[in-house]
Amino acid sequence: MNNTWSGLVNMFWKHTPKHEVLTDTQAKRQLKLLNMTFEELPLIKYSDAALKALRDDGVDTPIDSVIRISRNSITYGENAFYYRRVIP
């Protein structure tokens, strides 16, 4: 059987939004501004491809860290931020 997906393992989407790990201080500040608790954050799995790319670049992505995702939005404009909590 021919596996057509095998050549796509190292593929990186050119439209992948920027992911960055926030420090504890940055995370607390953003959560306060958003009027959210840490437990209310949406989740992102440690195995997510974007987090793996960060680790491949030497960035630590520990469990329970807060990730800021920057996207361009038609309605919001540049740098619409989304936050996620890393889970196993």
PDB file of N, CA and C in Angstrom:
ATOM      1  N   MET A   1       0.848  -1.183   0.000  1.00  0.00           N
ATOM      2  CA  MET A   1       0.000   0.000   0.000  1.00  0.00           C
ATOM      3  C   MET A   1       0.893   1.246   0.000  1.00  0.00           C
ATOM      4  N   ASN A   2       0.532   2.225  -0.793  1.00  0.00           N
ATOM      5  CA  ASN A   2       1.292   3.460  -0.892  1.00  0.00           C
ATOM      6  C   ASN A   2       0.751   4.472   0.115  1.00  0.00           C
ATOM      7  N   ASN A   3       1.620   4.931   1.012  1.00  0.00           N
ATOM      8  CA  ASN A   3       1.206   5.907   2.015  1.00  0.00           C
ATOM      9  C   ASN A   3       1.528   7.310   1.511  1.00  0.00           C
ATOM     10  N   THR A   4       0.537   8.013   1.008  1.00  0.00           N
ATOM     11  CA  THR A   4       0.755   9.340   0.430  1.00  0.00           C
ATOM     12  C   THR A   4       1.024  10.400   1.498  1.00  0.00           C
ATOM     13  N   TRP A   5       0.732  10.115   2.753  1.00  0.00           N
ATOM     14  CA  TRP A   5       0.943  11.089   3.818  1.00  0.00           C
ATOM     15  C   TRP A   5       2.362  11.071   4.366  1.00  0.00           C
ATOM     16  N   SER A   6       3.146  10.066   4.054  1.00  0.00           N
ATOM     17  CA  SER A   6       4.473   9.941   4.652  1.00  0.00           C
ATOM     18  C   SER A   6       5.383  11.112   4.312  1.00  0.00           C
ATOM     19  N   GLY A   7       5.233  11.718   3.154  1.00  0.00           N
ATOM     20  CA  GLY A   7       6.066  12.852   2.775  1.00  0.00           C
ATOM     21  C   GLY A   7       5.645  14.158   3.424  1.00  0.00           C
ATOM     22  N   LEU A   8       4.543  14.157   4.159  1.00  0.00           N
ATOM     23  CA  LEU A   8       4.030  15.386   4.757  1.00  0.00           C
ATOM     24  C   LEU A   8       4.403  15.537   6.228  1.00  0.00           C
ATOM     25  N   VAL A   9       5.189  14.622   6.765  1.00  0.00           N
ATOM     26  CA  VAL A   9       5.504  14.632   8.188  1.00  0.00           C
ATOM     27  C   VAL A   9       6.170  15.938   8.616  1.00  0.00           C
ATOM     28  N   ASN A  10       7.092  16.453   7.833  1.00  0.00           N
ATOM     29  CA  ASN A  10       7.822  17.658   8.202  1.00  0.00           C
ATOM     30  C   ASN A  10       7.245  18.923   7.588  1.00  0.00           C
ATOM     31  N   MET A  11       6.019  18.853   7.118  1.00  0.00           N
ATOM     32  CA  MET A  11       5.389  19.996   6.484  1.00  0.00           C
ATOM     33  C   MET A  11       4.987  21.024   7.547  1.00  0.00           C
ATOM     34  N   PHE A  12       5.174  22.303   7.254  1.00  0.00           N
ATOM     35  CA  PHE A  12       4.752  23.372   8.153  1.00  0.00           C
ATOM     36  C   PHE A  12       3.853  24.308   7.366  1.00  0.00           C
ATOM     37  N   TRP A  13       2.671  24.550   7.861  1.00  0.00           N
ATOM     38  CA  TRP A  13       1.714  25.405   7.176  1.00  0.00           C
ATOM     39  C   TRP A  13       2.202  26.841   7.203  1.00  0.00           C
ATOM     40  N   LYS A  14       2.126  27.523   6.072  1.00  0.00           N
ATOM     41  CA  LYS A  14       2.607  28.898   6.031  1.00  0.00           C
ATOM     42  C   LYS A  14       1.654  29.853   6.746  1.00  0.00           C
ATOM     43  N   HIS A  15       0.436  29.427   7.014  1.00  0.00           N
ATOM     44  CA  HIS A  15      -0.536  30.279   7.688  1.00  0.00           C
ATOM     45  C   HIS A  15      -0.694  29.935   9.165  1.00  0.00           C
ATOM     46  N   THR A  16       0.238  29.178   9.715  1.00  0.00           N
ATOM     47  CA  THR A  16       0.170  28.845  11.134  1.00  0.00           C
ATOM     48  C   THR A  16       0.369  30.122  11.943  1.00  0.00           C
ATOM     49  N   PRO A  17      -0.551  30.426  12.865  1.00  0.00           N
ATOM     50  CA  PRO A  17      -0.386  31.650  13.657  1.00  0.00           C
ATOM     51  C   PRO A  17       0.795  31.521  14.623  1.00  0.00           C
ATOM     52  N   LYS A  18       1.314  32.664  15.028  1.00  0.00           N
ATOM     53  CA  LYS A  18       2.443  32.687  15.942  1.00  0.00           C
ATOM     54  C   LYS A  18       1.999  32.200  17.323  1.00  0.00           C
ATOM     55  N   HIS A  19       2.766  31.279  17.897  1.00  0.00           N
ATOM     56  CA  HIS A  19       2.533  30.768  19.240  1.00  0.00           C
ATOM     57  C   HIS A  19       3.723  31.187  20.098  1.00  0.00           C
ATOM     58  N   GLU A  20       3.457  31.666  21.305  1.00  0.00           N
ATOM     59  CA  GLU A  20       4.542  32.007  22.211  1.00  0.00           C
ATOM     60  C   GLU A  20       4.151  31.645  23.638  1.00  0.00           C
ATOM     61  N   VAL A  21       5.156  31.263  24.421  1.00  0.00           N
ATOM     62  CA  VAL A  21       4.939  30.893  25.810  1.00  0.00           C
ATOM     63  C   VAL A  21       5.077  32.151  26.663  1.00  0.00           C
ATOM     64  N   LEU A  22       4.084  32.404  27.513  1.00  0.00           N
ATOM     65  CA  LEU A  22       4.138  33.564  28.399  1.00  0.00           C
ATOM     66  C   LEU A  22       4.835  33.195  29.698  1.00  0.00           C
ATOM     67  N   THR A  23       5.516  34.164  30.288  1.00  0.00           N
ATOM     68  CA  THR A  23       6.071  33.961  31.622  1.00  0.00           C
ATOM     69  C   THR A  23       4.910  33.922  32.610  1.00  0.00           C
ATOM     70  N   ASP A  24       5.165  33.473  33.833  1.00  0.00           N
ATOM     71  CA  ASP A  24       4.105  33.453  34.841  1.00  0.00           C
ATOM     72  C   ASP A  24       3.544  34.851  35.079  1.00  0.00           C
ATOM     73  N   THR A  25       4.425  35.847  35.120  1.00  0.00           N
ATOM     74  CA  THR A  25       3.991  37.226  35.342  1.00  0.00           C
ATOM     75  C   THR A  25       3.118  37.714  34.183  1.00  0.00           C
ATOM     76  N   GLN A  26       3.546  37.458  32.950  1.00  0.00           N
ATOM     77  CA  GLN A  26       2.755  37.855  31.789  1.00  0.00           C
ATOM     78  C   GLN A  26       1.394  37.168  31.797  1.00  0.00           C
ATOM     79  N   ALA A  27       1.383  35.875  32.121  1.00  0.00           N
ATOM     80  CA  ALA A  27       0.132  35.108  32.133  1.00  0.00           C
ATOM     81  C   ALA A  27      -0.832  35.672  33.176  1.00  0.00           C
ATOM     82  N   LYS A  28      -0.329  35.949  34.374  1.00  0.00           N
ATOM     83  CA  LYS A  28      -1.193  36.499  35.430  1.00  0.00           C
ATOM     84  C   LYS A  28      -1.752  37.855  35.025  1.00  0.00           C
ATOM     85  N   ARG A  29      -0.924  38.684  34.406  1.00  0.00           N
ATOM     86  CA  ARG A  29      -1.363  40.008  33.966  1.00  0.00           C
ATOM     87  C   ARG A  29      -2.464  39.886  32.913  1.00  0.00           C
ATOM     88  N   GLN A  30      -2.262  38.998  31.929  1.00  0.00           N
ATOM     89  CA  GLN A  30      -3.267  38.837  30.867  1.00  0.00           C
ATOM     90  C   GLN A  30      -4.565  38.258  31.402  1.00  0.00           C
ATOM     91  N   LEU A  31      -4.464  37.287  32.297  1.00  0.00           N
ATOM     92  CA  LEU A  31      -5.673  36.704  32.877  1.00  0.00           C
ATOM     93  C   LEU A  31      -6.459  37.748  33.662  1.00  0.00           C
ATOM     94  N   LYS A  32      -5.744  38.610  34.371  1.00  0.00           N
ATOM     95  CA  LYS A  32      -6.422  39.668  35.123  1.00  0.00           C
ATOM     96  C   LYS A  32      -7.127  40.629  34.170  1.00  0.00           C
ATOM     97  N   LEU A  33      -6.444  41.006  33.067  1.00  0.00           N
ATOM     98  CA  LEU A  33      -7.061  41.902  32.081  1.00  0.00           C
ATOM     99  C   LEU A  33      -8.291  41.272  31.425  1.00  0.00           C
ATOM    100  N   LEU A  34      -8.239  39.955  31.232  1.00  0.00           N
ATOM    101  CA  LEU A  34      -9.349  39.244  30.598  1.00  0.00           C
ATOM    102  C   LEU A  34     -10.440  38.853  31.591  1.00  0.00           C
ATOM    103  N   ASN A  35     -10.179  39.109  32.877  1.00  0.00           N
ATOM    104  CA  ASN A  35     -11.107  38.724  33.939  1.00  0.00           C
ATOM    105  C   ASN A  35     -11.402  37.226  33.885  1.00  0.00           C
ATOM    106  N   MET A  36     -10.319  36.444  33.769  1.00  0.00           N
ATOM    107  CA  MET A  36     -10.425  34.980  33.685  1.00  0.00           C
ATOM    108  C   MET A  36      -9.524  34.339  34.732  1.00  0.00           C
ATOM    109  N   THR A  37      -9.849  33.113  35.094  1.00  0.00           N
ATOM    110  CA  THR A  37      -8.951  32.334  35.942  1.00  0.00           C
ATOM    111  C   THR A  37      -8.165  31.375  35.051  1.00  0.00           C
ATOM    112  N   PHE A  38      -7.085  30.872  35.585  1.00  0.00           N
ATOM    113  CA  PHE A  38      -6.245  29.926  34.861  1.00  0.00           C
ATOM    114  C   PHE A  38      -7.059  28.705  34.414  1.00  0.00           C
ATOM    115  N   GLU A  39      -7.941  28.244  35.277  1.00  0.00           N
ATOM    116  CA  GLU A  39      -8.754  27.057  34.996  1.00  0.00           C
ATOM    117  C   GLU A  39      -9.768  27.285  33.877  1.00  0.00           C
ATOM    118  N   GLU A  40     -10.121  28.536  33.611  1.00  0.00           N
ATOM    119  CA  GLU A  40     -11.096  28.851  32.563  1.00  0.00           C
ATOM    120  C   GLU A  40     -10.486  28.916  31.169  1.00  0.00           C
ATOM    121  N   LEU A  41      -9.158  28.893  31.079  1.00  0.00           N
ATOM    122  CA  LEU A  41      -8.518  28.979  29.767  1.00  0.00           C
ATOM    123  C   LEU A  41      -8.849  27.776  28.898  1.00  0.00           C
ATOM    124  N   PRO A  42      -9.049  27.993  27.611  1.00  0.00           N
ATOM    125  CA  PRO A  42      -9.174  26.857  26.694  1.00  0.00           C
ATOM    126  C   PRO A  42      -7.862  26.060  26.706  1.00  0.00           C
ATOM    127  N   LEU A  43      -7.925  24.825  26.282  1.00  0.00           N
ATOM    128  CA  LEU A  43      -6.776  23.927  26.387  1.00  0.00           C
ATOM    129  C   LEU A  43      -6.085  23.711  25.047  1.00  0.00           C
ATOM    130  N   ILE A  44      -4.786  23.400  25.139  1.00  0.00           N
ATOM    131  CA  ILE A  44      -4.013  22.980  23.972  1.00  0.00           C
ATOM    132  C   ILE A  44      -3.145  21.808  24.430  1.00  0.00           C
ATOM    133  N   LYS A  45      -3.129  20.754  23.654  1.00  0.00           N
ATOM    134  CA  LYS A  45      -2.363  19.565  24.029  1.00  0.00           C
ATOM    135  C   LYS A  45      -0.864  19.779  23.816  1.00  0.00           C
ATOM    136  N   TYR A  46      -0.076  19.211  24.709  1.00  0.00           N
ATOM    137  CA  TYR A  46       1.380  19.268  24.628  1.00  0.00           C
ATOM    138  C   TYR A  46       1.862  18.729  23.286  1.00  0.00           C
ATOM    139  N   SER A  47       1.127  17.793  22.720  1.00  0.00           N
ATOM    140  CA  SER A  47       1.508  17.160  21.455  1.00  0.00           C
ATOM    141  C   SER A  47       1.098  17.979  20.226  1.00  0.00           C
ATOM    142  N   ASP A  48       0.473  19.138  20.413  1.00  0.00           N
ATOM    143  CA  ASP A  48       0.059  19.978  19.295  1.00  0.00           C
ATOM    144  C   ASP A  48       1.259  20.304  18.402  1.00  0.00           C
ATOM    145  N   ALA A  49       1.047  20.303  17.102  1.00  0.00           N
ATOM    146  CA  ALA A  49       2.131  20.518  16.139  1.00  0.00           C
ATOM    147  C   ALA A  49       2.826  21.873  16.330  1.00  0.00           C
ATOM    148  N   ALA A  50       2.065  22.910  16.669  1.00  0.00           N
ATOM    149  CA  ALA A  50       2.665  24.233  16.865  1.00  0.00           C
ATOM    150  C   ALA A  50       3.580  24.244  18.091  1.00  0.00           C
ATOM    151  N   LEU A  51       3.190  23.520  19.141  1.00  0.00           N
ATOM    152  CA  LEU A  51       4.038  23.447  20.331  1.00  0.00           C
ATOM    153  C   LEU A  51       5.273  22.600  20.063  1.00  0.00           C
ATOM    154  N   LYS A  52       5.113  21.563  19.264  1.00  0.00           N
ATOM    155  CA  LYS A  52       6.265  20.746  18.882  1.00  0.00           C
ATOM    156  C   LYS A  52       7.258  21.599  18.092  1.00  0.00           C
ATOM    157  N   ALA A  53       6.761  22.451  17.214  1.00  0.00           N
ATOM    158  CA  ALA A  53       7.644  23.338  16.446  1.00  0.00           C
ATOM    159  C   ALA A  53       8.398  24.291  17.372  1.00  0.00           C
ATOM    160  N   LEU A  54       7.726  24.788  18.411  1.00  0.00           N
ATOM    161  CA  LEU A  54       8.412  25.642  19.386  1.00  0.00           C
ATOM    162  C   LEU A  54       9.530  24.877  20.084  1.00  0.00           C
ATOM    163  N   ARG A  55       9.227  23.651  20.510  1.00  0.00           N
ATOM    164  CA  ARG A  55      10.249  22.831  21.190  1.00  0.00           C
ATOM    165  C   ARG A  55      11.407  22.533  20.253  1.00  0.00           C
ATOM    166  N   ASP A  56      11.116  22.284  18.983  1.00  0.00           N
ATOM    167  CA  ASP A  56      12.184  22.044  18.001  1.00  0.00           C
ATOM    168  C   ASP A  56      13.077  23.271  17.850  1.00  0.00           C
ATOM    169  N   ASP A  57      12.528  24.456  18.113  1.00  0.00           N
ATOM    170  CA  ASP A  57      13.296  25.705  18.044  1.00  0.00           C
ATOM    171  C   ASP A  57      13.974  26.040  19.370  1.00  0.00           C
ATOM    172  N   GLY A  58      13.847  25.146  20.356  1.00  0.00           N
ATOM    173  CA  GLY A  58      14.519  25.348  21.640  1.00  0.00           C
ATOM    174  C   GLY A  58      13.699  26.067  22.694  1.00  0.00           C
ATOM    175  N   VAL A  59      12.403  26.253  22.447  1.00  0.00           N
ATOM    176  CA  VAL A  59      11.528  26.930  23.412  1.00  0.00           C
ATOM    177  C   VAL A  59      10.853  25.885  24.282  1.00  0.00           C
ATOM    178  N   ASP A  60      10.953  26.051  25.593  1.00  0.00           N
ATOM    179  CA  ASP A  60      10.330  25.119  26.531  1.00  0.00           C
ATOM    180  C   ASP A  60       8.823  25.381  26.569  1.00  0.00           C
ATOM    181  N   THR A  61       8.021  24.315  26.508  1.00  0.00           N
ATOM    182  CA  THR A  61       6.560  24.430  26.571  1.00  0.00           C
ATOM    183  C   THR A  61       6.033  23.511  27.669  1.00  0.00           C
ATOM    184  N   PRO A  62       6.275  23.864  28.928  1.00  0.00           N
ATOM    185  CA  PRO A  62       5.879  22.971  30.021  1.00  0.00           C
ATOM    186  C   PRO A  62       4.363  22.840  30.170  1.00  0.00           C
ATOM    187  N   ILE A  63       3.967  21.724  30.757  1.00  0.00           N
ATOM    188  CA  ILE A  63       2.558  21.503  31.088  1.00  0.00           C
ATOM    189  C   ILE A  63       2.117  22.632  32.020  1.00  0.00           C
ATOM    190  N   ASP A  64       0.915  23.122  31.862  1.00  0.00           N
ATOM    191  CA  ASP A  64       0.317  24.218  32.635  1.00  0.00           C
ATOM    192  C   ASP A  64       0.897  25.589  32.314  1.00  0.00           C
ATOM    193  N   SER A  65       1.674  25.699  31.248  1.00  0.00           N
ATOM    194  CA  SER A  65       2.102  27.035  30.829  1.00  0.00           C
ATOM    195  C   SER A  65       0.986  27.657  29.991  1.00  0.00           C
ATOM    196  N   VAL A  66       1.058  28.972  29.812  1.00  0.00           N
ATOM    197  CA  VAL A  66       0.054  29.694  29.034  1.00  0.00           C
ATOM    198  C   VAL A  66       0.678  30.078  27.700  1.00  0.00           C
ATOM    199  N   ILE A  67      -0.040  29.750  26.633  1.00  0.00           N
ATOM    200  CA  ILE A  67       0.402  30.042  25.267  1.00  0.00           C
ATOM    201  C   ILE A  67      -0.447  31.185  24.717  1.00  0.00           C
ATOM    202  N   ARG A  68       0.217  32.177  24.114  1.00  0.00           N
ATOM    203  CA  ARG A  68      -0.502  33.249  23.421  1.00  0.00           C
ATOM    204  C   ARG A  68      -0.388  32.982  21.924  1.00  0.00           C
ATOM    205  N   ILE A  69      -1.526  32.953  21.261  1.00  0.00           N
ATOM    206  CA  ILE A  69      -1.587  32.728  19.822  1.00  0.00           C
ATOM    207  C   ILE A  69      -1.992  34.058  19.178  1.00  0.00           C
ATOM    208  N   SER A  70      -1.176  34.519  18.240  1.00  0.00           N
ATOM    209  CA  SER A  70      -1.437  35.792  17.553  1.00  0.00           C
ATOM    210  C   SER A  70      -1.937  35.505  16.143  1.00  0.00           C
ATOM    211  N   ARG A  71      -3.102  36.008  15.836  1.00  0.00           N
ATOM    212  CA  ARG A  71      -3.681  35.819  14.503  1.00  0.00           C
ATOM    213  C   ARG A  71      -4.100  37.167  13.935  1.00  0.00           C
ATOM    214  N   ASN A  72      -4.121  37.232  12.634  1.00  0.00           N
ATOM    215  CA  ASN A  72      -4.715  38.392  11.970  1.00  0.00           C
ATOM    216  C   ASN A  72      -6.180  38.070  11.727  1.00  0.00           C
ATOM    217  N   SER A  73      -7.027  39.031  11.995  1.00  0.00           N
ATOM    218  CA  SER A  73      -8.458  38.832  11.878  1.00  0.00           C
ATOM    219  C   SER A  73      -9.063  39.899  10.983  1.00  0.00           C
ATOM    220  N   ILE A  74      -9.982  39.507  10.144  1.00  0.00           N
ATOM    221  CA  ILE A  74     -10.658  40.463   9.274  1.00  0.00           C
ATOM    222  C   ILE A  74     -11.460  41.460  10.111  1.00  0.00           C
ATOM    223  N   THR A  75     -12.108  40.979  11.163  1.00  0.00           N
ATOM    224  CA  THR A  75     -12.945  41.855  11.979  1.00  0.00           C
ATOM    225  C   THR A  75     -12.168  42.612  13.044  1.00  0.00           C
ATOM    226  N   TYR A  76     -11.116  42.002  13.605  1.00  0.00           N
ATOM    227  CA  TYR A  76     -10.363  42.634  14.684  1.00  0.00           C
ATOM    228  C   TYR A  76      -9.136  43.378  14.177  1.00  0.00           C
ATOM    229  N   GLY A  77      -8.559  42.905  13.105  1.00  0.00           N
ATOM    230  CA  GLY A  77      -7.335  43.505  12.585  1.00  0.00           C
ATOM    231  C   GLY A  77      -6.128  42.650  12.916  1.00  0.00           C
ATOM    232  N   GLU A  78      -4.976  43.279  12.985  1.00  0.00           N
ATOM    233  CA  GLU A  78      -3.756  42.531  13.263  1.00  0.00           C
ATOM    234  C   GLU A  78      -3.658  42.194  14.744  1.00  0.00           C
ATOM    235  N   ASN A  79      -2.983  41.083  14.995  1.00  0.00           N
ATOM    236  CA  ASN A  79      -2.682  40.639  16.354  1.00  0.00           C
ATOM    237  C   ASN A  79      -3.901  40.470  17.241  1.00  0.00           C
ATOM    238  N   ALA A  80      -4.818  39.656  16.810  1.00  0.00           N
ATOM    239  CA  ALA A  80      -5.892  39.209  17.685  1.00  0.00           C
ATOM    240  C   ALA A  80      -5.286  38.087  18.529  1.00  0.00           C
ATOM    241  N   PHE A  81      -5.333  38.225  19.854  1.00  0.00           N
ATOM    242  CA  PHE A  81      -4.673  37.263  20.734  1.00  0.00           C
ATOM    243  C   PHE A  81      -5.664  36.258  21.294  1.00  0.00           C
ATOM    244  N   TYR A  82      -5.214  35.014  21.345  1.00  0.00           N
ATOM    245  CA  TYR A  82      -5.952  33.918  21.944  1.00  0.00           C
ATOM    246  C   TYR A  82      -5.015  33.253  22.939  1.00  0.00           C
ATOM    247  N   TYR A  83      -5.551  32.762  24.033  1.00  0.00           N
ATOM    248  CA  TYR A  83      -4.731  32.163  25.072  1.00  0.00           C
ATOM    249  C   TYR A  83      -5.165  30.732  25.316  1.00  0.00           C
ATOM    250  N   ARG A  84      -4.195  29.868  25.556  1.00  0.00           N
ATOM    251  CA  ARG A  84      -4.445  28.453  25.810  1.00  0.00           C
ATOM    252  C   ARG A  84      -3.577  27.972  26.960  1.00  0.00           C
ATOM    253  N   ARG A  85      -4.061  26.951  27.685  1.00  0.00           N
ATOM    254  CA  ARG A  85      -3.303  26.306  28.753  1.00  0.00           C
ATOM    255  C   ARG A  85      -2.819  24.954  28.236  1.00  0.00           C
ATOM    256  N   VAL A  86      -1.543  24.669  28.431  1.00  0.00           N
ATOM    257  CA  VAL A  86      -0.962  23.424  27.942  1.00  0.00           C
ATOM    258  C   VAL A  86      -1.334  22.276  28.887  1.00  0.00           C
ATOM    259  N   ILE A  87      -1.866  21.204  28.298  1.00  0.00           N
ATOM    260  CA  ILE A  87      -2.209  20.007  29.058  1.00  0.00           C
ATOM    261  C   ILE A  87      -1.471  18.815  28.463  1.00  0.00           C
ATOM    262  N   PRO A  88      -1.316  17.726  29.253  1.00  0.00           N
ATOM    263  CA  PRO A  88      -0.603  16.531  28.741  1.00  0.00           C
ATOM    264  C   PRO A  88      -1.290  15.902  27.543  1.00  0.00           C
TER     265      PRO A  88
END
